[in-house]
Amino acid sequence: MRAKTVQQQVSLLTASFLFLLSLTIGVTLWYVQEIDRQYRYLTNSAEPTVEASMMLLNGLNESLGALRGYLVLNEDRYAEQRHDVWSLEIDVARRRLEHLYKHEWTGLDPWLSS
């Protein structure tokens, strides 16, 4: 069908523009929902994992520092410090990671499972 009058041509152009605008808005909203889903995954699953891993790593480094102090200076306070680090930081972080593994990790990458 061929538009013959200027009014028909303007109407066809306006309808085409509105269709493309609607399509663009729909695609944008879909991407915003996808970004929101990824954000929720990162804040609910990945962030606690990173925090527990950093706590574990910091505890291990502190424990190694206390072990070096004990080996070099042969003072019992370093052995006690190492014991405290293991009971207050390393074991807590390990238990947190085990809990996350058993209860919160799905085993699937959320970006691959659609």
N, C-alpha and C. Protein backbone atom coordinates (compact mmCIF):
# COMPACT_ATOMS: atom_id res chain seq x y z
N MET A 1 0.84 -1.18 0.00
CA MET A 1 0.00 0.00 0.00
C MET A 1 0.88 1.24 0.00
N ARG A 2 0.59 2.11 -0.87
CA ARG A 2 1.40 3.31 -1.02
C ARG A 2 0.64 4.53 -0.50
N ALA A 3 1.30 5.28 0.41
CA ALA A 3 0.66 6.48 0.95
C ALA A 3 0.65 7.57 -0.12
N LYS A 4 -0.53 8.18 -0.33
CA LYS A 4 -0.66 9.12 -1.44
C LYS A 4 -0.66 10.57 -0.98
N THR A 5 -1.21 10.83 0.14
CA THR A 5 -1.28 12.23 0.56
C THR A 5 -0.21 12.50 1.62
N VAL A 6 0.04 13.76 1.83
CA VAL A 6 1.02 14.17 2.84
C VAL A 6 0.55 13.73 4.23
N GLN A 7 -0.74 13.83 4.49
CA GLN A 7 -1.28 13.43 5.78
C GLN A 7 -1.06 11.93 6.02
N GLN A 8 -1.24 11.11 5.00
CA GLN A 8 -1.01 9.67 5.15
C GLN A 8 0.47 9.38 5.37
N GLN A 9 1.33 10.12 4.71
CA GLN A 9 2.77 9.92 4.88
C GLN A 9 3.21 10.31 6.29
N VAL A 10 2.69 11.41 6.79
CA VAL A 10 3.02 11.86 8.15
C VAL A 10 2.48 10.84 9.16
N SER A 11 1.28 10.34 8.97
CA SER A 11 0.71 9.34 9.87
C SER A 11 1.55 8.07 9.87
N LEU A 12 1.98 7.62 8.69
CA LEU A 12 2.82 6.43 8.60
C LEU A 12 4.16 6.65 9.28
N LEU A 13 4.74 7.81 9.10
CA LEU A 13 6.02 8.13 9.73
C LEU A 13 5.85 8.18 11.26
N THR A 14 4.76 8.79 11.73
CA THR A 14 4.51 8.86 13.17
C THR A 14 4.30 7.47 13.76
N ALA A 15 3.55 6.63 13.09
CA ALA A 15 3.31 5.27 13.57
C ALA A 15 4.62 4.48 13.60
N SER A 16 5.46 4.64 12.58
CA SER A 16 6.76 3.96 12.56
C SER A 16 7.63 4.42 13.72
N PHE A 17 7.64 5.74 13.96
CA PHE A 17 8.44 6.29 15.05
C PHE A 17 7.95 5.75 16.40
N LEU A 18 6.64 5.72 16.61
CA LEU A 18 6.10 5.23 17.87
C LEU A 18 6.38 3.74 18.06
N PHE A 19 6.34 2.98 16.98
CA PHE A 19 6.68 1.55 17.08
C PHE A 19 8.13 1.36 17.49
N LEU A 20 9.04 2.09 16.85
CA LEU A 20 10.46 1.98 17.20
C LEU A 20 10.72 2.46 18.63
N LEU A 21 10.03 3.52 19.03
CA LEU A 21 10.18 4.02 20.40
C LEU A 21 9.69 2.98 21.41
N SER A 22 8.55 2.36 21.14
CA SER A 22 8.03 1.32 22.03
C SER A 22 8.98 0.13 22.10
N LEU A 23 9.51 -0.27 20.96
CA LEU A 23 10.46 -1.38 20.93
C LEU A 23 11.71 -1.06 21.73
N THR A 24 12.22 0.15 21.59
CA THR A 24 13.41 0.57 22.33
C THR A 24 13.14 0.60 23.83
N ILE A 25 11.99 1.11 24.23
CA ILE A 25 11.64 1.15 25.65
C ILE A 25 11.52 -0.27 26.21
N GLY A 26 10.89 -1.17 25.44
CA GLY A 26 10.75 -2.55 25.89
C GLY A 26 12.10 -3.24 26.08
N VAL A 27 13.01 -3.06 25.15
CA VAL A 27 14.34 -3.66 25.26
C VAL A 27 15.10 -3.05 26.44
N THR A 28 14.98 -1.75 26.62
CA THR A 28 15.65 -1.10 27.74
C THR A 28 15.13 -1.62 29.08
N LEU A 29 13.83 -1.77 29.20
CA LEU A 29 13.27 -2.30 30.45
C LEU A 29 13.72 -3.73 30.69
N TRP A 30 13.83 -4.53 29.65
CA TRP A 30 14.31 -5.90 29.82
C TRP A 30 15.74 -5.91 30.33
N TYR A 31 16.60 -5.04 29.76
CA TYR A 31 17.99 -4.99 30.21
C TYR A 31 18.09 -4.48 31.64
N VAL A 32 17.25 -3.52 32.03
CA VAL A 32 17.26 -3.02 33.40
C VAL A 32 16.88 -4.13 34.37
N GLN A 33 15.89 -4.95 34.02
CA GLN A 33 15.53 -6.08 34.89
C GLN A 33 16.67 -7.09 34.99
N GLU A 34 17.36 -7.33 33.89
CA GLU A 34 18.49 -8.26 33.91
C GLU A 34 19.62 -7.73 34.80
N ILE A 35 19.90 -6.45 34.70
CA ILE A 35 20.94 -5.84 35.54
C ILE A 35 20.53 -5.92 37.01
N ASP A 36 19.25 -5.69 37.31
CA ASP A 36 18.76 -5.79 38.68
C ASP A 36 18.91 -7.21 39.21
N ARG A 37 18.63 -8.20 38.38
CA ARG A 37 18.78 -9.60 38.81
C ARG A 37 20.24 -9.93 39.12
N GLN A 38 21.14 -9.44 38.29
CA GLN A 38 22.57 -9.68 38.52
C GLN A 38 23.05 -8.96 39.78
N TYR A 39 22.54 -7.75 39.99
CA TYR A 39 22.90 -6.99 41.19
C TYR A 39 22.46 -7.72 42.45
N ARG A 40 21.22 -8.23 42.44
CA ARG A 40 20.72 -8.97 43.60
C ARG A 40 21.55 -10.22 43.86
N TYR A 41 21.97 -10.91 42.79
CA TYR A 41 22.82 -12.08 42.98
C TYR A 41 24.15 -11.69 43.62
N LEU A 42 24.75 -10.62 43.11
CA LEU A 42 26.05 -10.22 43.64
C LEU A 42 25.96 -9.78 45.10
N THR A 43 24.93 -9.04 45.46
CA THR A 43 24.83 -8.56 46.84
C THR A 43 24.41 -9.66 47.80
N ASN A 44 23.63 -10.64 47.33
CA ASN A 44 23.15 -11.69 48.23
C ASN A 44 24.09 -12.88 48.33
N SER A 45 24.81 -13.21 47.28
CA SER A 45 25.64 -14.41 47.29
C SER A 45 27.13 -14.11 47.21
N ALA A 46 27.51 -13.29 46.27
CA ALA A 46 28.94 -13.08 46.04
C ALA A 46 29.59 -12.21 47.12
N GLU A 47 28.90 -11.18 47.57
CA GLU A 47 29.50 -10.29 48.56
C GLU A 47 29.80 -10.99 49.89
N PRO A 48 28.87 -11.78 50.46
CA PRO A 48 29.22 -12.50 51.69
C PRO A 48 30.38 -13.48 51.50
N THR A 49 30.46 -14.06 50.31
CA THR A 49 31.56 -14.98 50.03
C THR A 49 32.88 -14.25 50.02
N VAL A 50 32.91 -13.09 49.39
CA VAL A 50 34.15 -12.30 49.35
C VAL A 50 34.54 -11.85 50.75
N GLU A 51 33.57 -11.41 51.53
CA GLU A 51 33.87 -10.97 52.90
C GLU A 51 34.44 -12.11 53.74
N ALA A 52 33.82 -13.28 53.66
CA ALA A 52 34.32 -14.42 54.43
C ALA A 52 35.70 -14.85 53.94
N SER A 53 35.92 -14.80 52.65
CA SER A 53 37.23 -15.17 52.10
C SER A 53 38.30 -14.19 52.55
N MET A 54 37.98 -12.90 52.55
CA MET A 54 38.95 -11.90 53.02
C MET A 54 39.24 -12.07 54.50
N MET A 55 38.20 -12.38 55.29
CA MET A 55 38.41 -12.62 56.72
C MET A 55 39.31 -13.83 56.93
N LEU A 56 39.10 -14.87 56.15
CA LEU A 56 39.94 -16.07 56.24
C LEU A 56 41.38 -15.74 55.86
N LEU A 57 41.57 -15.02 54.78
CA LEU A 57 42.92 -14.66 54.34
C LEU A 57 43.62 -13.77 55.37
N ASN A 58 42.91 -12.79 55.91
CA ASN A 58 43.51 -11.93 56.93
C ASN A 58 43.89 -12.73 58.17
N GLY A 59 43.03 -13.66 58.57
CA GLY A 59 43.35 -14.50 59.72
C GLY A 59 44.56 -15.36 59.47
N LEU A 60 44.65 -15.93 58.28
CA LEU A 60 45.83 -16.75 57.95
C LEU A 60 47.11 -15.92 57.97
N ASN A 61 47.05 -14.71 57.43
CA ASN A 61 48.24 -13.85 57.44
C ASN A 61 48.62 -13.47 58.88
N GLU A 62 47.62 -13.17 59.69
CA GLU A 62 47.92 -12.83 61.09
C GLU A 62 48.47 -14.04 61.84
N SER A 63 47.94 -15.21 61.56
CA SER A 63 48.43 -16.43 62.19
C SER A 63 49.88 -16.71 61.78
N LEU A 64 50.18 -16.50 60.50
CA LEU A 64 51.56 -16.71 60.06
C LEU A 64 52.51 -15.70 60.70
N GLY A 65 52.04 -14.47 60.86
CA GLY A 65 52.87 -13.47 61.54
C GLY A 65 53.15 -13.87 62.99
N ALA A 66 52.12 -14.38 63.66
CA ALA A 66 52.31 -14.83 65.05
C ALA A 66 53.24 -16.04 65.11
N LEU A 67 53.13 -16.94 64.13
CA LEU A 67 54.02 -18.10 64.10
C LEU A 67 55.47 -17.66 63.89
N ARG A 68 55.68 -16.69 62.99
CA ARG A 68 57.06 -16.18 62.80
C ARG A 68 57.58 -15.54 64.08
N GLY A 69 56.72 -14.77 64.75
CA GLY A 69 57.13 -14.15 66.01
C GLY A 69 57.49 -15.20 67.05
N TYR A 70 56.73 -16.28 67.11
CA TYR A 70 57.01 -17.34 68.07
C TYR A 70 58.32 -18.05 67.73
N LEU A 71 58.55 -18.32 66.44
CA LEU A 71 59.77 -19.03 66.05
C LEU A 71 61.01 -18.17 66.25
N VAL A 72 60.89 -16.87 65.99
CA VAL A 72 62.06 -16.00 66.12
C VAL A 72 62.33 -15.63 67.57
N LEU A 73 61.30 -15.24 68.30
CA LEU A 73 61.48 -14.74 69.66
C LEU A 73 61.22 -15.77 70.74
N ASN A 74 60.56 -16.88 70.37
CA ASN A 74 60.26 -17.96 71.30
C ASN A 74 59.51 -17.46 72.54
N GLU A 75 58.50 -16.59 72.28
CA GLU A 75 57.68 -16.08 73.37
C GLU A 75 56.29 -16.69 73.27
N ASP A 76 55.75 -17.08 74.40
CA ASP A 76 54.46 -17.76 74.42
C ASP A 76 53.29 -16.87 73.99
N ARG A 77 53.45 -15.56 74.12
CA ARG A 77 52.34 -14.69 73.74
C ARG A 77 52.02 -14.80 72.26
N TYR A 78 53.01 -15.13 71.43
CA TYR A 78 52.76 -15.31 70.00
C TYR A 78 52.00 -16.61 69.74
N ALA A 79 52.29 -17.63 70.50
CA ALA A 79 51.55 -18.89 70.37
C ALA A 79 50.09 -18.68 70.80
N GLU A 80 49.89 -17.91 71.86
CA GLU A 80 48.53 -17.61 72.30
C GLU A 80 47.79 -16.75 71.26
N GLN A 81 48.51 -15.80 70.69
CA GLN A 81 47.90 -14.95 69.66
C GLN A 81 47.49 -15.80 68.45
N ARG A 82 48.34 -16.73 68.09
CA ARG A 82 48.03 -17.61 66.96
C ARG A 82 46.80 -18.46 67.27
N HIS A 83 46.72 -18.98 68.47
CA HIS A 83 45.56 -19.77 68.87
C HIS A 83 44.29 -18.92 68.83
N ASP A 84 44.37 -17.68 69.33
CA ASP A 84 43.21 -16.79 69.32
C ASP A 84 42.76 -16.47 67.89
N VAL A 85 43.72 -16.25 67.00
CA VAL A 85 43.37 -15.94 65.61
C VAL A 85 42.65 -17.12 64.98
N TRP A 86 43.15 -18.32 65.26
CA TRP A 86 42.49 -19.51 64.69
C TRP A 86 41.07 -19.66 65.22
N SER A 87 40.88 -19.42 66.50
CA SER A 87 39.53 -19.65 67.06
C SER A 87 38.58 -18.50 66.76
N LEU A 88 39.07 -17.27 66.65
CA LEU A 88 38.18 -16.12 66.49
C LEU A 88 37.99 -15.69 65.03
N GLU A 89 38.96 -15.94 64.18
CA GLU A 89 38.85 -15.46 62.80
C GLU A 89 38.80 -16.58 61.78
N ILE A 90 39.78 -17.44 61.81
CA ILE A 90 39.89 -18.45 60.75
C ILE A 90 38.75 -19.45 60.82
N ASP A 91 38.48 -19.99 62.01
CA ASP A 91 37.38 -20.96 62.13
C ASP A 91 36.03 -20.34 61.84
N VAL A 92 35.83 -19.08 62.27
CA VAL A 92 34.56 -18.39 61.99
C VAL A 92 34.38 -18.21 60.49
N ALA A 93 35.43 -17.76 59.81
CA ALA A 93 35.35 -17.56 58.36
C ALA A 93 35.14 -18.89 57.63
N ARG A 94 35.81 -19.93 58.09
CA ARG A 94 35.65 -21.25 57.47
C ARG A 94 34.22 -21.76 57.63
N ARG A 95 33.66 -21.59 58.83
CA ARG A 95 32.27 -22.01 59.04
C ARG A 95 31.30 -21.19 58.20
N ARG A 96 31.59 -19.91 58.04
CA ARG A 96 30.73 -19.05 57.21
C ARG A 96 30.79 -19.51 55.75
N LEU A 97 31.97 -19.81 55.26
CA LEU A 97 32.09 -20.30 53.88
C LEU A 97 31.39 -21.64 53.71
N GLU A 98 31.49 -22.51 54.70
CA GLU A 98 30.78 -23.80 54.61
C GLU A 98 29.28 -23.59 54.59
N HIS A 99 28.78 -22.67 55.41
CA HIS A 99 27.35 -22.37 55.41
C HIS A 99 26.91 -21.81 54.05
N LEU A 100 27.69 -20.90 53.50
CA LEU A 100 27.35 -20.35 52.19
C LEU A 100 27.35 -21.44 51.14
N TYR A 101 28.30 -22.34 51.22
CA TYR A 101 28.38 -23.41 50.23
C TYR A 101 27.17 -24.34 50.32
N LYS A 102 26.76 -24.65 51.54
CA LYS A 102 25.66 -25.60 51.71
C LYS A 102 24.29 -24.98 51.46
N HIS A 103 24.11 -23.69 51.76
CA HIS A 103 22.77 -23.13 51.77
C HIS A 103 22.52 -22.03 50.74
N GLU A 104 23.53 -21.38 50.24
CA GLU A 104 23.25 -20.21 49.40
C GLU A 104 23.81 -20.31 47.99
N TRP A 105 24.85 -21.08 47.79
CA TRP A 105 25.39 -21.19 46.45
C TRP A 105 24.55 -22.17 45.66
N THR A 106 24.19 -21.79 44.46
CA THR A 106 23.35 -22.66 43.64
C THR A 106 24.17 -23.60 42.79
N GLY A 107 25.44 -23.28 42.60
CA GLY A 107 26.28 -24.10 41.73
C GLY A 107 26.14 -23.72 40.27
N LEU A 108 25.26 -22.79 39.99
CA LEU A 108 25.07 -22.33 38.62
C LEU A 108 25.39 -20.86 38.52
N ASP A 109 25.98 -20.49 37.43
CA ASP A 109 26.24 -19.08 37.17
C ASP A 109 24.92 -18.45 36.74
N PRO A 110 24.43 -17.42 37.45
CA PRO A 110 23.12 -16.86 37.13
C PRO A 110 23.07 -16.21 35.75
N TRP A 111 24.22 -15.83 35.22
CA TRP A 111 24.20 -15.21 33.91
C TRP A 111 24.08 -16.25 32.81
N LEU A 112 24.40 -17.49 33.11
CA LEU A 112 24.27 -18.55 32.11
C LEU A 112 22.93 -19.24 32.17
N SER A 113 22.29 -19.21 33.35
CA SER A 113 21.00 -19.89 33.48
C SER A 113 19.88 -18.87 33.32
N SER A 114 19.30 -18.83 32.19
CA SER A 114 18.22 -17.87 31.94
C SER A 114 16.91 -18.59 31.80
